[in-house]
Amino acid sequence: CDGCHMDPILGTRFLCMNCDESREVDLCEDCMIEGKFENGKYEHHKKSHRFSAIVNPTSQRFDMDHVPEQVDEYNYLDATPAEQ
């Protein structure tokens, strides 16, 4: 999210329809409601721009890239004995 930096955006993602792809603005639902985004980085984006709501029915509260396929499988994000 270009407002709160949620990554990945959970729930509905709002994509600016006026900004070109190289400088697109994506907002989560909370930031869309608040009209919140980083003004300095997105000077090309205007509050009058139209947004498209993109519903992602597979949004998860965890990153599927970091979930082991099996319960006892090692993941590089797991703490080593020295870190525990």
PDB file of N, CA and C in Angstrom:
ATOM      1  N   CYS A   1       0.848  -1.181   0.000  1.00  0.00           N
ATOM      2  CA  CYS A   1       0.000   0.000   0.000  1.00  0.00           C
ATOM      3  C   CYS A   1       0.889   1.238   0.000  1.00  0.00           C
ATOM      4  N   ASP A   2       0.578   2.181  -0.851  1.00  0.00           N
ATOM      5  CA  ASP A   2       1.373   3.401  -0.934  1.00  0.00           C
ATOM      6  C   ASP A   2       1.009   4.410   0.145  1.00  0.00           C
ATOM      7  N   GLY A   3       0.122   4.023   1.056  1.00  0.00           N
ATOM      8  CA  GLY A   3      -0.210   4.878   2.188  1.00  0.00           C
ATOM      9  C   GLY A   3       0.424   4.387   3.468  1.00  0.00           C
ATOM     10  N   CYS A   4       0.197   3.100   3.779  1.00  0.00           N
ATOM     11  CA  CYS A   4       0.678   2.546   5.053  1.00  0.00           C
ATOM     12  C   CYS A   4       1.755   1.480   4.861  1.00  0.00           C
ATOM     13  N   HIS A   5       2.091   1.158   3.624  1.00  0.00           N
ATOM     14  CA  HIS A   5       3.138   0.182   3.265  1.00  0.00           C
ATOM     15  C   HIS A   5       2.753  -1.257   3.573  1.00  0.00           C
ATOM     16  N   MET A   6       1.457  -1.564   3.703  1.00  0.00           N
ATOM     17  CA  MET A   6       1.026  -2.954   3.889  1.00  0.00           C
ATOM     18  C   MET A   6       1.456  -3.751   2.653  1.00  0.00           C
ATOM     19  N   ASP A   7       2.126  -4.881   2.885  1.00  0.00           N
ATOM     20  CA  ASP A   7       2.603  -5.702   1.781  1.00  0.00           C
ATOM     21  C   ASP A   7       2.586  -7.163   2.192  1.00  0.00           C
ATOM     22  N   PRO A   8       1.749  -7.951   1.602  1.00  0.00           N
ATOM     23  CA  PRO A   8       0.816  -7.611   0.534  1.00  0.00           C
ATOM     24  C   PRO A   8      -0.417  -6.905   1.091  1.00  0.00           C
ATOM     25  N   ILE A   9      -1.136  -6.229   0.204  1.00  0.00           N
ATOM     26  CA  ILE A   9      -2.377  -5.571   0.609  1.00  0.00           C
ATOM     27  C   ILE A   9      -3.413  -6.655   0.871  1.00  0.00           C
ATOM     28  N   LEU A  10      -3.984  -6.642   2.056  1.00  0.00           N
ATOM     29  CA  LEU A  10      -5.012  -7.611   2.435  1.00  0.00           C
ATOM     30  C   LEU A  10      -6.381  -7.027   2.139  1.00  0.00           C
ATOM     31  N   GLY A  11      -7.261  -7.840   1.604  1.00  0.00           N
ATOM     32  CA  GLY A  11      -8.600  -7.360   1.284  1.00  0.00           C
ATOM     33  C   GLY A  11      -8.611  -6.641  -0.052  1.00  0.00           C
ATOM     34  N   THR A  12      -9.460  -5.639  -0.171  1.00  0.00           N
ATOM     35  CA  THR A  12      -9.618  -4.909  -1.421  1.00  0.00           C
ATOM     36  C   THR A  12      -8.450  -3.958  -1.639  1.00  0.00           C
ATOM     37  N   ARG A  13      -7.903  -3.997  -2.867  1.00  0.00           N
ATOM     38  CA  ARG A  13      -6.823  -3.081  -3.262  1.00  0.00           C
ATOM     39  C   ARG A  13      -7.437  -2.047  -4.192  1.00  0.00           C
ATOM     40  N   PHE A  14      -7.072  -0.781  -4.007  1.00  0.00           N
ATOM     41  CA  PHE A  14      -7.577   0.295  -4.845  1.00  0.00           C
ATOM     42  C   PHE A  14      -6.444   0.805  -5.723  1.00  0.00           C
ATOM     43  N   LEU A  15      -6.623   0.686  -7.042  1.00  0.00           N
ATOM     44  CA  LEU A  15      -5.614   1.050  -8.031  1.00  0.00           C
ATOM     45  C   LEU A  15      -6.037   2.329  -8.737  1.00  0.00           C
ATOM     46  N   CYS A  16      -5.141   3.322  -8.771  1.00  0.00           N
ATOM     47  CA  CYS A  16      -5.440   4.577  -9.464  1.00  0.00           C
ATOM     48  C   CYS A  16      -5.546   4.310 -10.960  1.00  0.00           C
ATOM     49  N   MET A  17      -6.628   4.765 -11.569  1.00  0.00           N
ATOM     50  CA  MET A  17      -6.863   4.551 -12.995  1.00  0.00           C
ATOM     51  C   MET A  17      -6.256   5.661 -13.849  1.00  0.00           C
ATOM     52  N   ASN A  18      -5.802   6.759 -13.232  1.00  0.00           N
ATOM     53  CA  ASN A  18      -5.264   7.877 -13.990  1.00  0.00           C
ATOM     54  C   ASN A  18      -3.741   7.889 -14.055  1.00  0.00           C
ATOM     55  N   CYS A  19      -3.083   7.335 -13.056  1.00  0.00           N
ATOM     56  CA  CYS A  19      -1.617   7.305 -13.043  1.00  0.00           C
ATOM     57  C   CYS A  19      -1.131   6.195 -13.973  1.00  0.00           C
ATOM     58  N   ASP A  20      -0.024   6.463 -14.711  1.00  0.00           N
ATOM     59  CA  ASP A  20       0.479   5.427 -15.610  1.00  0.00           C
ATOM     60  C   ASP A  20       1.129   4.294 -14.814  1.00  0.00           C
ATOM     61  N   GLU A  21       1.307   3.147 -15.474  1.00  0.00           N
ATOM     62  CA  GLU A  21       1.786   1.940 -14.794  1.00  0.00           C
ATOM     63  C   GLU A  21       3.130   2.123 -14.102  1.00  0.00           C
ATOM     64  N   SER A  22       4.009   2.919 -14.674  1.00  0.00           N
ATOM     65  CA  SER A  22       5.340   3.081 -14.080  1.00  0.00           C
ATOM     66  C   SER A  22       5.297   3.878 -12.776  1.00  0.00           C
ATOM     67  N   ARG A  23       4.185   4.601 -12.542  1.00  0.00           N
ATOM     68  CA  ARG A  23       4.059   5.396 -11.312  1.00  0.00           C
ATOM     69  C   ARG A  23       2.703   5.169 -10.655  1.00  0.00           C
ATOM     70  N   GLU A  24       2.205   3.928 -10.734  1.00  0.00           N
ATOM     71  CA  GLU A  24       0.866   3.651 -10.221  1.00  0.00           C
ATOM     72  C   GLU A  24       0.788   3.805  -8.704  1.00  0.00           C
ATOM     73  N   VAL A  25      -0.413   4.103  -8.246  1.00  0.00           N
ATOM     74  CA  VAL A  25      -0.692   4.258  -6.823  1.00  0.00           C
ATOM     75  C   VAL A  25      -1.689   3.176  -6.427  1.00  0.00           C
ATOM     76  N   ASP A  26      -1.318   2.369  -5.432  1.00  0.00           N
ATOM     77  CA  ASP A  26      -2.183   1.326  -4.886  1.00  0.00           C
ATOM     78  C   ASP A  26      -2.441   1.649  -3.423  1.00  0.00           C
ATOM     79  N   LEU A  27      -3.692   1.536  -2.996  1.00  0.00           N
ATOM     80  CA  LEU A  27      -4.043   1.796  -1.603  1.00  0.00           C
ATOM     81  C   LEU A  27      -4.858   0.642  -1.033  1.00  0.00           C
ATOM     82  N   CYS A  28      -4.694   0.398   0.269  1.00  0.00           N
ATOM     83  CA  CYS A  28      -5.557  -0.554   0.966  1.00  0.00           C
ATOM     84  C   CYS A  28      -6.875   0.167   1.269  1.00  0.00           C
ATOM     85  N   GLU A  29      -7.836  -0.566   1.772  1.00  0.00           N
ATOM     86  CA  GLU A  29      -9.154   0.017   2.036  1.00  0.00           C
ATOM     87  C   GLU A  29      -9.091   1.141   3.069  1.00  0.00           C
ATOM     88  N   ASP A  30      -8.324   0.946   4.149  1.00  0.00           N
ATOM     89  CA  ASP A  30      -8.228   1.981   5.188  1.00  0.00           C
ATOM     90  C   ASP A  30      -7.638   3.271   4.633  1.00  0.00           C
ATOM     91  N   CYS A  31      -6.555   3.168   3.855  1.00  0.00           N
ATOM     92  CA  CYS A  31      -5.916   4.366   3.304  1.00  0.00           C
ATOM     93  C   CYS A  31      -6.788   5.020   2.238  1.00  0.00           C
ATOM     94  N   MET A  32      -7.558   4.220   1.500  1.00  0.00           N
ATOM     95  CA  MET A  32      -8.480   4.771   0.509  1.00  0.00           C
ATOM     96  C   MET A  32      -9.544   5.610   1.206  1.00  0.00           C
ATOM     97  N   ILE A  33     -10.100   5.096   2.300  1.00  0.00           N
ATOM     98  CA  ILE A  33     -11.131   5.819   3.047  1.00  0.00           C
ATOM     99  C   ILE A  33     -10.566   7.117   3.613  1.00  0.00           C
ATOM    100  N   GLU A  34      -9.329   7.058   4.127  1.00  0.00           N
ATOM    101  CA  GLU A  34      -8.689   8.227   4.737  1.00  0.00           C
ATOM    102  C   GLU A  34      -8.065   9.164   3.705  1.00  0.00           C
ATOM    103  N   GLY A  35      -7.949   8.717   2.450  1.00  0.00           N
ATOM    104  CA  GLY A  35      -7.290   9.516   1.422  1.00  0.00           C
ATOM    105  C   GLY A  35      -5.811   9.684   1.707  1.00  0.00           C
ATOM    106  N   LYS A  36      -5.198   8.634   2.237  1.00  0.00           N
ATOM    107  CA  LYS A  36      -3.824   8.704   2.727  1.00  0.00           C
ATOM    108  C   LYS A  36      -2.842   8.068   1.740  1.00  0.00           C
ATOM    109  N   PHE A  37      -1.801   8.800   1.365  1.00  0.00           N
ATOM    110  CA  PHE A  37      -0.688   8.271   0.597  1.00  0.00           C
ATOM    111  C   PHE A  37       0.489   9.214   0.776  1.00  0.00           C
ATOM    112  N   GLU A  38       1.684   8.749   0.423  1.00  0.00           N
ATOM    113  CA  GLU A  38       2.888   9.561   0.610  1.00  0.00           C
ATOM    114  C   GLU A  38       2.903  10.703  -0.404  1.00  0.00           C
ATOM    115  N   ASN A  39       2.589  11.898   0.042  1.00  0.00           N
ATOM    116  CA  ASN A  39       2.494  13.038  -0.871  1.00  0.00           C
ATOM    117  C   ASN A  39       3.791  13.326  -1.612  1.00  0.00           C
ATOM    118  N   GLY A  40       4.924  13.310  -0.935  1.00  0.00           N
ATOM    119  CA  GLY A  40       6.192  13.645  -1.572  1.00  0.00           C
ATOM    120  C   GLY A  40       6.564  12.709  -2.699  1.00  0.00           C
ATOM    121  N   LYS A  41       6.319  11.428  -2.520  1.00  0.00           N
ATOM    122  CA  LYS A  41       6.688  10.425  -3.513  1.00  0.00           C
ATOM    123  C   LYS A  41       5.703  10.375  -4.675  1.00  0.00           C
ATOM    124  N   TYR A  42       4.483  10.810  -4.455  1.00  0.00           N
ATOM    125  CA  TYR A  42       3.438  10.670  -5.463  1.00  0.00           C
ATOM    126  C   TYR A  42       2.861  12.027  -5.864  1.00  0.00           C
ATOM    127  N   GLU A  43       3.727  12.976  -6.180  1.00  0.00           N
ATOM    128  CA  GLU A  43       3.258  14.314  -6.561  1.00  0.00           C
ATOM    129  C   GLU A  43       2.414  14.276  -7.830  1.00  0.00           C
ATOM    130  N   HIS A  44       2.635  13.260  -8.675  1.00  0.00           N
ATOM    131  CA  HIS A  44       1.870  13.120  -9.913  1.00  0.00           C
ATOM    132  C   HIS A  44       0.424  12.684  -9.645  1.00  0.00           C
ATOM    133  N   HIS A  45       0.173  12.108  -8.476  1.00  0.00           N
ATOM    134  CA  HIS A  45      -1.165  11.604  -8.149  1.00  0.00           C
ATOM    135  C   HIS A  45      -2.003  12.709  -7.509  1.00  0.00           C
ATOM    136  N   LYS A  46      -3.205  12.872  -8.014  1.00  0.00           N
ATOM    137  CA  LYS A  46      -4.128  13.886  -7.497  1.00  0.00           C
ATOM    138  C   LYS A  46      -5.302  13.201  -6.803  1.00  0.00           C
ATOM    139  N   LYS A  47      -5.820  13.828  -5.766  1.00  0.00           N
ATOM    140  CA  LYS A  47      -6.961  13.253  -5.038  1.00  0.00           C
ATOM    141  C   LYS A  47      -8.200  13.130  -5.922  1.00  0.00           C
ATOM    142  N   SER A  48      -8.248  13.862  -7.030  1.00  0.00           N
ATOM    143  CA  SER A  48      -9.392  13.790  -7.937  1.00  0.00           C
ATOM    144  C   SER A  48      -9.332  12.574  -8.866  1.00  0.00           C
ATOM    145  N   HIS A  49      -8.218  11.836  -8.871  1.00  0.00           N
ATOM    146  CA  HIS A  49      -8.085  10.660  -9.734  1.00  0.00           C
ATOM    147  C   HIS A  49      -9.097   9.584  -9.345  1.00  0.00           C
ATOM    148  N   ARG A  50      -9.506   8.804 -10.343  1.00  0.00           N
ATOM    149  CA  ARG A  50     -10.445   7.697 -10.126  1.00  0.00           C
ATOM    150  C   ARG A  50      -9.684   6.436  -9.737  1.00  0.00           C
ATOM    151  N   PHE A  51     -10.287   5.629  -8.895  1.00  0.00           N
ATOM    152  CA  PHE A  51      -9.701   4.364  -8.461  1.00  0.00           C
ATOM    153  C   PHE A  51     -10.592   3.199  -8.882  1.00  0.00           C
ATOM    154  N   SER A  52      -9.957   2.072  -9.114  1.00  0.00           N
ATOM    155  CA  SER A  52     -10.664   0.829  -9.382  1.00  0.00           C
ATOM    156  C   SER A  52     -10.454  -0.090  -8.185  1.00  0.00           C
ATOM    157  N   ALA A  53     -11.540  -0.664  -7.678  1.00  0.00           N
ATOM    158  CA  ALA A  53     -11.451  -1.593  -6.547  1.00  0.00           C
ATOM    159  C   ALA A  53     -11.161  -2.986  -7.084  1.00  0.00           C
ATOM    160  N   ILE A  54     -10.070  -3.577  -6.617  1.00  0.00           N
ATOM    161  CA  ILE A  54      -9.683  -4.920  -7.037  1.00  0.00           C
ATOM    162  C   ILE A  54      -9.831  -5.831  -5.829  1.00  0.00           C
ATOM    163  N   VAL A  55     -10.837  -6.694  -5.879  1.00  0.00           N
ATOM    164  CA  VAL A  55     -11.114  -7.595  -4.766  1.00  0.00           C
ATOM    165  C   VAL A  55     -10.271  -8.847  -4.948  1.00  0.00           C
ATOM    166  N   ASN A  56      -9.511  -9.179  -3.919  1.00  0.00           N
ATOM    167  CA  ASN A  56      -8.662 -10.361  -3.954  1.00  0.00           C
ATOM    168  C   ASN A  56      -9.221 -11.376  -2.966  1.00  0.00           C
ATOM    169  N   PRO A  57     -10.025 -12.312  -3.443  1.00  0.00           N
ATOM    170  CA  PRO A  57     -10.653 -13.266  -2.527  1.00  0.00           C
ATOM    171  C   PRO A  57      -9.667 -14.217  -1.863  1.00  0.00           C
ATOM    172  N   THR A  58      -8.425 -14.262  -2.360  1.00  0.00           N
ATOM    173  CA  THR A  58      -7.438 -15.170  -1.773  1.00  0.00           C
ATOM    174  C   THR A  58      -6.507 -14.456  -0.810  1.00  0.00           C
ATOM    175  N   SER A  59      -6.833 -13.223  -0.432  1.00  0.00           N
ATOM    176  CA  SER A  59      -5.973 -12.498   0.515  1.00  0.00           C
ATOM    177  C   SER A  59      -5.810 -13.301   1.793  1.00  0.00           C
ATOM    178  N   GLN A  60      -4.595 -13.403   2.245  1.00  0.00           N
ATOM    179  CA  GLN A  60      -4.273 -14.153   3.452  1.00  0.00           C
ATOM    180  C   GLN A  60      -3.675 -13.209   4.482  1.00  0.00           C
ATOM    181  N   ARG A  61      -3.757 -13.567   5.733  1.00  0.00           N
ATOM    182  CA  ARG A  61      -3.125 -12.792   6.797  1.00  0.00           C
ATOM    183  C   ARG A  61      -1.679 -13.229   7.000  1.00  0.00           C
ATOM    184  N   PHE A  62      -1.161 -14.086   6.128  1.00  0.00           N
ATOM    185  CA  PHE A  62       0.226 -14.519   6.199  1.00  0.00           C
ATOM    186  C   PHE A  62       0.753 -14.637   4.780  1.00  0.00           C
ATOM    187  N   ASP A  63       2.051 -14.582   4.625  1.00  0.00           N
ATOM    188  CA  ASP A  63       2.701 -14.621   3.323  1.00  0.00           C
ATOM    189  C   ASP A  63       2.910 -16.074   2.916  1.00  0.00           C
ATOM    190  N   MET A  64       2.242 -16.505   1.865  1.00  0.00           N
ATOM    191  CA  MET A  64       2.326 -17.894   1.427  1.00  0.00           C
ATOM    192  C   MET A  64       3.735 -18.288   0.986  1.00  0.00           C
ATOM    193  N   ASP A  65       4.598 -17.322   0.662  1.00  0.00           N
ATOM    194  CA  ASP A  65       5.976 -17.628   0.279  1.00  0.00           C
ATOM    195  C   ASP A  65       6.787 -18.146   1.458  1.00  0.00           C
ATOM    196  N   HIS A  66       6.322 -17.934   2.672  1.00  0.00           N
ATOM    197  CA  HIS A  66       7.086 -18.291   3.863  1.00  0.00           C
ATOM    198  C   HIS A  66       6.406 -19.365   4.710  1.00  0.00           C
ATOM    199  N   VAL A  67       5.460 -20.072   4.129  1.00  0.00           N
ATOM    200  CA  VAL A  67       4.779 -21.141   4.851  1.00  0.00           C
ATOM    201  C   VAL A  67       5.365 -22.474   4.384  1.00  0.00           C
ATOM    202  N   PRO A  68       5.881 -23.288   5.292  1.00  0.00           N
ATOM    203  CA  PRO A  68       6.436 -24.581   4.872  1.00  0.00           C
ATOM    204  C   PRO A  68       5.344 -25.493   4.325  1.00  0.00           C
ATOM    205  N   GLU A  69       5.719 -26.355   3.382  1.00  0.00           N
ATOM    206  CA  GLU A  69       4.750 -27.285   2.809  1.00  0.00           C
ATOM    207  C   GLU A  69       4.357 -28.357   3.821  1.00  0.00           C
ATOM    208  N   GLN A  70       5.265 -28.686   4.731  1.00  0.00           N
ATOM    209  CA  GLN A  70       4.985 -29.665   5.771  1.00  0.00           C
ATOM    210  C   GLN A  70       5.270 -29.022   7.119  1.00  0.00           C
ATOM    211  N   VAL A  71       4.596 -29.491   8.146  1.00  0.00           N
ATOM    212  CA  VAL A  71       4.734 -28.902   9.477  1.00  0.00           C
ATOM    213  C   VAL A  71       6.167 -28.949   9.982  1.00  0.00           C
ATOM    214  N   ASP A  72       6.877 -30.051   9.739  1.00  0.00           N
ATOM    215  CA  ASP A  72       8.236 -30.187  10.267  1.00  0.00           C
ATOM    216  C   ASP A  72       9.310 -29.683   9.304  1.00  0.00           C
ATOM    217  N   GLU A  73       8.920 -29.030   8.222  1.00  0.00           N
ATOM    218  CA  GLU A  73       9.869 -28.547   7.224  1.00  0.00           C
ATOM    219  C   GLU A  73      10.568 -27.281   7.710  1.00  0.00           C
ATOM    220  N   TYR A  74      11.862 -27.158   7.424  1.00  0.00           N
ATOM    221  CA  TYR A  74      12.639 -25.975   7.790  1.00  0.00           C
ATOM    222  C   TYR A  74      12.273 -24.817   6.870  1.00  0.00           C
ATOM    223  N   ASN A  75      12.189 -23.643   7.421  1.00  0.00           N
ATOM    224  CA  ASN A  75      11.975 -22.420   6.658  1.00  0.00           C
ATOM    225  C   ASN A  75      13.101 -21.476   7.024  1.00  0.00           C
ATOM    226  N   TYR A  76      13.663 -20.766   6.055  1.00  0.00           N
ATOM    227  CA  TYR A  76      14.797 -19.888   6.338  1.00  0.00           C
ATOM    228  C   TYR A  76      14.454 -18.787   7.340  1.00  0.00           C
ATOM    229  N   LEU A  77      13.180 -18.539   7.592  1.00  0.00           N
ATOM    230  CA  LEU A  77      12.786 -17.538   8.582  1.00  0.00           C
ATOM    231  C   LEU A  77      12.744 -18.108   9.996  1.00  0.00           C
ATOM    232  N   ASP A  78      12.865 -19.439  10.111  1.00  0.00           N
ATOM    233  CA  ASP A  78      12.853 -20.068  11.431  1.00  0.00           C
ATOM    234  C   ASP A  78      14.088 -19.663  12.225  1.00  0.00           C
ATOM    235  N   ALA A  79      13.914 -19.502  13.522  1.00  0.00           N
ATOM    236  CA  ALA A  79      15.050 -19.178  14.396  1.00  0.00           C
ATOM    237  C   ALA A  79      15.961 -20.394  14.506  1.00  0.00           C
ATOM    238  N   THR A  80      17.262 -20.143  14.518  1.00  0.00           N
ATOM    239  CA  THR A  80      18.215 -21.225  14.755  1.00  0.00           C
ATOM    240  C   THR A  80      18.361 -21.370  16.263  1.00  0.00           C
ATOM    241  N   PRO A  81      18.888 -22.485  16.756  1.00  0.00           N
ATOM    242  CA  PRO A  81      19.030 -22.662  18.207  1.00  0.00           C
ATOM    243  C   PRO A  81      19.766 -21.508  18.889  1.00  0.00           C
ATOM    244  N   ALA A  82      20.735 -20.889  18.218  1.00  0.00           N
ATOM    245  CA  ALA A  82      21.482 -19.780  18.819  1.00  0.00           C
ATOM    246  C   ALA A  82      20.611 -18.534  18.975  1.00  0.00           C
ATOM    247  N   GLU A  83      19.578 -18.397  18.136  1.00  0.00           N
ATOM    248  CA  GLU A  83      18.714 -17.216  18.169  1.00  0.00           C
ATOM    249  C   GLU A  83      17.541 -17.384  19.125  1.00  0.00           C
ATOM    250  N   GLN A  84      17.291 -18.594  19.583  1.00  0.00           N
ATOM    251  CA  GLN A  84      16.105 -18.834  20.411  1.00  0.00           C
ATOM    252  C   GLN A  84      16.287 -18.358  21.820  1.00  0.00           C
TER     253      GLN A  84
END
